[in-house]
């Protein structure tokens, strides 16, 4: 296998890795948001902002 084939595999592996990590991050953001929303009105406000900013990672990744 030459270097260009290995570089292509590494690039695809890195892209998949960042998608997996971003998905795991988003799942954690959603769980924290759900917890905050149950706590109080301030928590609800914080959870909405956390969801907006936390899920933007996925949108930016797709661009």
PDB file of N, CA and C in Angstrom:
ATOM      1  N   UNK A   1       0.866  -1.181   0.000  1.00  0.00           N
ATOM      2  CA  UNK A   1       0.000   0.000   0.000  1.00  0.00           C
ATOM      3  C   UNK A   1       0.902   1.231   0.000  1.00  0.00           C
ATOM      4  N   UNK A   2       0.612   2.157  -0.893  1.00  0.00           N
ATOM      5  CA  UNK A   2       1.450   3.349  -0.939  1.00  0.00           C
ATOM      6  C   UNK A   2       0.926   4.418   0.017  1.00  0.00           C
ATOM      7  N   UNK A   3       1.694   5.487   0.132  1.00  0.00           N
ATOM      8  CA  UNK A   3       1.386   6.543   1.108  1.00  0.00           C
ATOM      9  C   UNK A   3       0.051   7.238   0.833  1.00  0.00           C
ATOM     10  N   UNK A   4      -0.315   7.417  -0.430  1.00  0.00           N
ATOM     11  CA  UNK A   4      -1.569   8.117  -0.733  1.00  0.00           C
ATOM     12  C   UNK A   4      -2.782   7.298  -0.293  1.00  0.00           C
ATOM     13  N   UNK A   5      -2.719   5.974  -0.447  1.00  0.00           N
ATOM     14  CA  UNK A   5      -3.817   5.120   0.029  1.00  0.00           C
ATOM     15  C   UNK A   5      -3.932   5.185   1.542  1.00  0.00           C
ATOM     16  N   UNK A   6      -2.806   5.160   2.218  1.00  0.00           N
ATOM     17  CA  UNK A   6      -2.810   5.224   3.684  1.00  0.00           C
ATOM     18  C   UNK A   6      -3.314   6.582   4.167  1.00  0.00           C
ATOM     19  N   UNK A   7      -2.920   7.660   3.482  1.00  0.00           N
ATOM     20  CA  UNK A   7      -3.394   8.998   3.849  1.00  0.00           C
ATOM     21  C   UNK A   7      -4.906   9.103   3.680  1.00  0.00           C
ATOM     22  N   UNK A   8      -5.439   8.514   2.621  1.00  0.00           N
ATOM     23  CA  UNK A   8      -6.889   8.543   2.384  1.00  0.00           C
ATOM     24  C   UNK A   8      -7.617   7.789   3.489  1.00  0.00           C
ATOM     25  N   UNK A   9      -7.079   6.643   3.894  1.00  0.00           N
ATOM     26  CA  UNK A   9      -7.701   5.865   4.983  1.00  0.00           C
ATOM     27  C   UNK A   9      -7.642   6.633   6.291  1.00  0.00           C
ATOM     28  N   UNK A  10      -6.506   7.256   6.575  1.00  0.00           N
ATOM     29  CA  UNK A  10      -6.360   8.036   7.803  1.00  0.00           C
ATOM     30  C   UNK A  10      -7.337   9.206   7.818  1.00  0.00           C
ATOM     31  N   UNK A  11      -7.504   9.849   6.679  1.00  0.00           N
ATOM     32  CA  UNK A  11      -8.419  10.987   6.580  1.00  0.00           C
ATOM     33  C   UNK A  11      -9.856  10.543   6.841  1.00  0.00           C
ATOM     34  N   UNK A  12     -10.273   9.440   6.243  1.00  0.00           N
ATOM     35  CA  UNK A  12     -11.627   8.923   6.465  1.00  0.00           C
ATOM     36  C   UNK A  12     -11.810   8.500   7.917  1.00  0.00           C
ATOM     37  N   UNK A  13     -10.778   7.913   8.492  1.00  0.00           N
ATOM     38  CA  UNK A  13     -10.844   7.486   9.887  1.00  0.00           C
ATOM     39  C   UNK A  13     -10.994   8.682  10.818  1.00  0.00           C
ATOM     40  N   UNK A  14     -10.265   9.756  10.534  1.00  0.00           N
ATOM     41  CA  UNK A  14     -10.352  10.958  11.359  1.00  0.00           C
ATOM     42  C   UNK A  14     -11.724  11.601  11.243  1.00  0.00           C
ATOM     43  N   UNK A  15     -12.285  11.622  10.026  1.00  0.00           N
ATOM     44  CA  UNK A  15     -13.616  12.201   9.836  1.00  0.00           C
ATOM     45  C   UNK A  15     -14.638  11.403  10.622  1.00  0.00           C
ATOM     46  N   UNK A  16     -14.559  10.080  10.559  1.00  0.00           N
ATOM     47  CA  UNK A  16     -15.501   9.248  11.297  1.00  0.00           C
ATOM     48  C   UNK A  16     -15.320   9.443  12.796  1.00  0.00           C
ATOM     49  N   UNK A  17     -14.104   9.537  13.231  1.00  0.00           N
ATOM     50  CA  UNK A  17     -13.818   9.716  14.650  1.00  0.00           C
ATOM     51  C   UNK A  17     -14.430  11.014  15.171  1.00  0.00           C
ATOM     52  N   UNK A  18     -14.299  12.091  14.436  1.00  0.00           N
ATOM     53  CA  UNK A  18     -14.854  13.372  14.893  1.00  0.00           C
ATOM     54  C   UNK A  18     -16.371  13.311  14.903  1.00  0.00           C
ATOM     55  N   UNK A  19     -16.964  12.594  13.974  1.00  0.00           N
ATOM     56  CA  UNK A  19     -18.424  12.448  13.970  1.00  0.00           C
ATOM     57  C   UNK A  19     -18.898  11.636  15.170  1.00  0.00           C
ATOM     58  N   UNK A  20     -18.186  10.590  15.494  1.00  0.00           N
ATOM     59  CA  UNK A  20     -18.543   9.783  16.670  1.00  0.00           C
ATOM     60  C   UNK A  20     -18.419  10.604  17.952  1.00  0.00           C
ATOM     61  N   UNK A  21     -17.338  11.353  18.059  1.00  0.00           N
ATOM     62  CA  UNK A  21     -17.138  12.174  19.258  1.00  0.00           C
ATOM     63  C   UNK A  21     -18.165  13.293  19.337  1.00  0.00           C
ATOM     64  N   UNK A  22     -18.505  13.890  18.208  1.00  0.00           N
ATOM     65  CA  UNK A  22     -19.518  14.950  18.195  1.00  0.00           C
ATOM     66  C   UNK A  22     -20.875  14.382  18.605  1.00  0.00           C
ATOM     67  N   UNK A  23     -21.209  13.192  18.120  1.00  0.00           N
ATOM     68  CA  UNK A  23     -22.483  12.580  18.479  1.00  0.00           C
ATOM     69  C   UNK A  23     -22.535  12.287  19.977  1.00  0.00           C
ATOM     70  N   UNK A  24     -21.459  11.743  20.520  1.00  0.00           N
ATOM     71  CA  UNK A  24     -21.408  11.465  21.960  1.00  0.00           C
ATOM     72  C   UNK A  24     -21.538  12.761  22.760  1.00  0.00           C
ATOM     73  N   UNK A  25     -20.917  13.821  22.291  1.00  0.00           N
ATOM     74  CA  UNK A  25     -21.019  15.125  22.950  1.00  0.00           C
ATOM     75  C   UNK A  25     -22.462  15.624  22.927  1.00  0.00           C
ATOM     76  N   UNK A  26     -23.120  15.487  21.784  1.00  0.00           N
ATOM     77  CA  UNK A  26     -24.502  15.949  21.660  1.00  0.00           C
ATOM     78  C   UNK A  26     -25.437  15.172  22.581  1.00  0.00           C
ATOM     79  N   UNK A  27     -25.201  13.882  22.700  1.00  0.00           N
ATOM     80  CA  UNK A  27     -26.018  13.072  23.610  1.00  0.00           C
ATOM     81  C   UNK A  27     -25.855  13.569  25.045  1.00  0.00           C
ATOM     82  N   UNK A  28     -24.624  13.874  25.432  1.00  0.00           N
ATOM     83  CA  UNK A  28     -24.381  14.396  26.787  1.00  0.00           C
ATOM     84  C   UNK A  28     -25.029  15.760  26.975  1.00  0.00           C
ATOM     85  N   UNK A  29     -24.969  16.609  25.961  1.00  0.00           N
ATOM     86  CA  UNK A  29     -25.601  17.932  26.026  1.00  0.00           C
ATOM     87  C   UNK A  29     -27.105  17.787  26.238  1.00  0.00           C
ATOM     88  N   UNK A  30     -27.722  16.887  25.523  1.00  0.00           N
ATOM     89  CA  UNK A  30     -29.163  16.683  25.648  1.00  0.00           C
ATOM     90  C   UNK A  30     -29.524  16.180  27.039  1.00  0.00           C
ATOM     91  N   UNK A  31     -28.738  15.252  27.566  1.00  0.00           N
ATOM     92  CA  UNK A  31     -29.009  14.736  28.915  1.00  0.00           C
ATOM     93  C   UNK A  31     -28.870  15.824  29.974  1.00  0.00           C
ATOM     94  N   UNK A  32     -27.838  16.643  29.869  1.00  0.00           N
ATOM     95  CA  UNK A  32     -27.649  17.742  30.823  1.00  0.00           C
ATOM     96  C   UNK A  32     -28.788  18.747  30.694  1.00  0.00           C
ATOM     97  N   UNK A  33     -29.196  19.020  29.467  1.00  0.00           N
ATOM     98  CA  UNK A  33     -30.299  19.958  29.249  1.00  0.00           C
ATOM     99  C   UNK A  33     -31.592  19.448  29.863  1.00  0.00           C
ATOM    100  N   UNK A  34     -31.853  18.173  29.715  1.00  0.00           N
ATOM    101  CA  UNK A  34     -33.053  17.588  30.317  1.00  0.00           C
ATOM    102  C   UNK A  34     -33.010  17.706  31.838  1.00  0.00           C
ATOM    103  N   UNK A  35     -31.849  17.468  32.406  1.00  0.00           N
ATOM    104  CA  UNK A  35     -31.690  17.588  33.854  1.00  0.00           C
ATOM    105  C   UNK A  35     -31.932  19.029  34.309  1.00  0.00           C
ATOM    106  N   UNK A  36     -31.315  19.978  33.626  1.00  0.00           N
ATOM    107  CA  UNK A  36     -31.463  21.386  33.997  1.00  0.00           C
ATOM    108  C   UNK A  36     -32.909  21.862  33.861  1.00  0.00           C
ATOM    109  N   UNK A  37     -33.574  21.388  32.827  1.00  0.00           N
ATOM    110  CA  UNK A  37     -34.940  21.818  32.585  1.00  0.00           C
ATOM    111  C   UNK A  37     -35.874  21.409  33.728  1.00  0.00           C
ATOM    112  N   UNK A  38     -35.609  20.305  34.351  1.00  0.00           N
ATOM    113  CA  UNK A  38     -36.443  19.832  35.459  1.00  0.00           C
ATOM    114  C   UNK A  38     -36.172  20.574  36.763  1.00  0.00           C
ATOM    115  N   UNK A  39     -35.049  21.253  36.862  1.00  0.00           N
ATOM    116  CA  UNK A  39     -34.621  21.847  38.119  1.00  0.00           C
ATOM    117  C   UNK A  39     -35.362  23.145  38.464  1.00  0.00           C
ATOM    118  N   UNK A  40     -35.425  24.080  37.543  1.00  0.00           N
ATOM    119  CA  UNK A  40     -36.029  25.384  37.847  1.00  0.00           C
ATOM    120  C   UNK A  40     -36.239  26.175  36.561  1.00  0.00           C
ATOM    121  N   UNK A  41     -36.820  27.358  36.709  1.00  0.00           N
ATOM    122  CA  UNK A  41     -37.004  28.233  35.554  1.00  0.00           C
ATOM    123  C   UNK A  41     -35.662  28.701  34.994  1.00  0.00           C
ATOM    124  N   UNK A  42     -34.741  28.980  35.890  1.00  0.00           N
ATOM    125  CA  UNK A  42     -33.399  29.390  35.434  1.00  0.00           C
ATOM    126  C   UNK A  42     -32.746  28.225  34.698  1.00  0.00           C
ATOM    127  N   UNK A  43     -32.914  27.040  35.239  1.00  0.00           N
ATOM    128  CA  UNK A  43     -32.375  25.848  34.580  1.00  0.00           C
ATOM    129  C   UNK A  43     -32.963  25.648  33.201  1.00  0.00           C
ATOM    130  N   UNK A  44     -34.255  25.954  33.056  1.00  0.00           N
ATOM    131  CA  UNK A  44     -34.918  25.834  31.750  1.00  0.00           C
ATOM    132  C   UNK A  44     -34.294  26.807  30.758  1.00  0.00           C
ATOM    133  N   UNK A  45     -34.056  27.998  31.218  1.00  0.00           N
ATOM    134  CA  UNK A  45     -33.451  29.014  30.366  1.00  0.00           C
ATOM    135  C   UNK A  45     -32.031  28.598  29.957  1.00  0.00           C
ATOM    136  N   UNK A  46     -31.280  28.097  30.914  1.00  0.00           N
ATOM    137  CA  UNK A  46     -29.925  27.630  30.625  1.00  0.00           C
ATOM    138  C   UNK A  46     -29.931  26.428  29.687  1.00  0.00           C
ATOM    139  N   UNK A  47     -30.890  25.535  29.890  1.00  0.00           N
ATOM    140  CA  UNK A  47     -30.924  24.337  29.055  1.00  0.00           C
ATOM    141  C   UNK A  47     -31.194  24.686  27.596  1.00  0.00           C
ATOM    142  N   UNK A  48     -32.047  25.661  27.351  1.00  0.00           N
ATOM    143  CA  UNK A  48     -32.325  26.064  25.974  1.00  0.00           C
ATOM    144  C   UNK A  48     -31.080  26.639  25.304  1.00  0.00           C
ATOM    145  N   UNK A  49     -30.360  27.471  26.036  1.00  0.00           N
ATOM    146  CA  UNK A  49     -29.129  28.042  25.474  1.00  0.00           C
ATOM    147  C   UNK A  49     -28.078  26.956  25.262  1.00  0.00           C
ATOM    148  N   UNK A  50     -27.984  26.033  26.200  1.00  0.00           N
ATOM    149  CA  UNK A  50     -27.028  24.929  26.072  1.00  0.00           C
ATOM    150  C   UNK A  50     -27.354  24.084  24.850  1.00  0.00           C
ATOM    151  N   UNK A  51     -28.625  23.799  24.630  1.00  0.00           N
ATOM    152  CA  UNK A  51     -29.019  23.035  23.447  1.00  0.00           C
ATOM    153  C   UNK A  51     -28.671  23.762  22.161  1.00  0.00           C
ATOM    154  N   UNK A  52     -28.948  25.054  22.119  1.00  0.00           N
ATOM    155  CA  UNK A  52     -28.645  25.820  20.903  1.00  0.00           C
ATOM    156  C   UNK A  52     -27.144  25.808  20.602  1.00  0.00           C
ATOM    157  N   UNK A  53     -26.356  26.078  21.618  1.00  0.00           N
ATOM    158  CA  UNK A  53     -24.912  26.162  21.368  1.00  0.00           C
ATOM    159  C   UNK A  53     -24.283  24.780  21.222  1.00  0.00           C
ATOM    160  N   UNK A  54     -24.745  23.818  21.987  1.00  0.00           N
ATOM    161  CA  UNK A  54     -24.162  22.475  21.936  1.00  0.00           C
ATOM    162  C   UNK A  54     -24.462  21.743  20.650  1.00  0.00           C
ATOM    163  N   UNK A  55     -25.666  21.917  20.121  1.00  0.00           N
ATOM    164  CA  UNK A  55     -26.013  21.218  18.894  1.00  0.00           C
ATOM    165  C   UNK A  55     -25.463  21.910  17.653  1.00  0.00           C
ATOM    166  N   UNK A  56     -24.952  23.115  17.801  1.00  0.00           N
ATOM    167  CA  UNK A  56     -24.344  23.789  16.639  1.00  0.00           C
ATOM    168  C   UNK A  56     -23.070  23.075  16.194  1.00  0.00           C
ATOM    169  N   UNK A  57     -22.476  22.275  17.070  1.00  0.00           N
ATOM    170  CA  UNK A  57     -21.289  21.507  16.711  1.00  0.00           C
ATOM    171  C   UNK A  57     -21.618  20.585  15.527  1.00  0.00           C
ATOM    172  N   UNK A  58     -22.754  19.906  15.621  1.00  0.00           N
ATOM    173  CA  UNK A  58     -23.155  19.015  14.533  1.00  0.00           C
ATOM    174  C   UNK A  58     -23.405  19.762  13.237  1.00  0.00           C
ATOM    175  N   UNK A  59     -24.053  20.906  13.347  1.00  0.00           N
ATOM    176  CA  UNK A  59     -24.319  21.690  12.130  1.00  0.00           C
ATOM    177  C   UNK A  59     -23.017  22.178  11.505  1.00  0.00           C
ATOM    178  N   UNK A  60     -22.091  22.622  12.311  1.00  0.00           N
ATOM    179  CA  UNK A  60     -20.812  23.091  11.779  1.00  0.00           C
ATOM    180  C   UNK A  60     -19.999  21.951  11.192  1.00  0.00           C
ATOM    181  N   UNK A  61     -20.134  20.775  11.756  1.00  0.00           N
ATOM    182  CA  UNK A  61     -19.400  19.621  11.261  1.00  0.00           C
ATOM    183  C   UNK A  61     -19.887  19.224   9.868  1.00  0.00           C
ATOM    184  N   UNK A  62     -21.167  19.382   9.622  1.00  0.00           N
ATOM    185  CA  UNK A  62     -21.728  19.006   8.327  1.00  0.00           C
ATOM    186  C   UNK A  62     -21.372  19.982   7.222  1.00  0.00           C
ATOM    187  N   UNK A  63     -20.961  21.188   7.548  1.00  0.00           N
ATOM    188  CA  UNK A  63     -20.636  22.177   6.516  1.00  0.00           C
ATOM    189  C   UNK A  63     -19.334  21.903   5.849  1.00  0.00           C
TER     190      UNK A  63
END
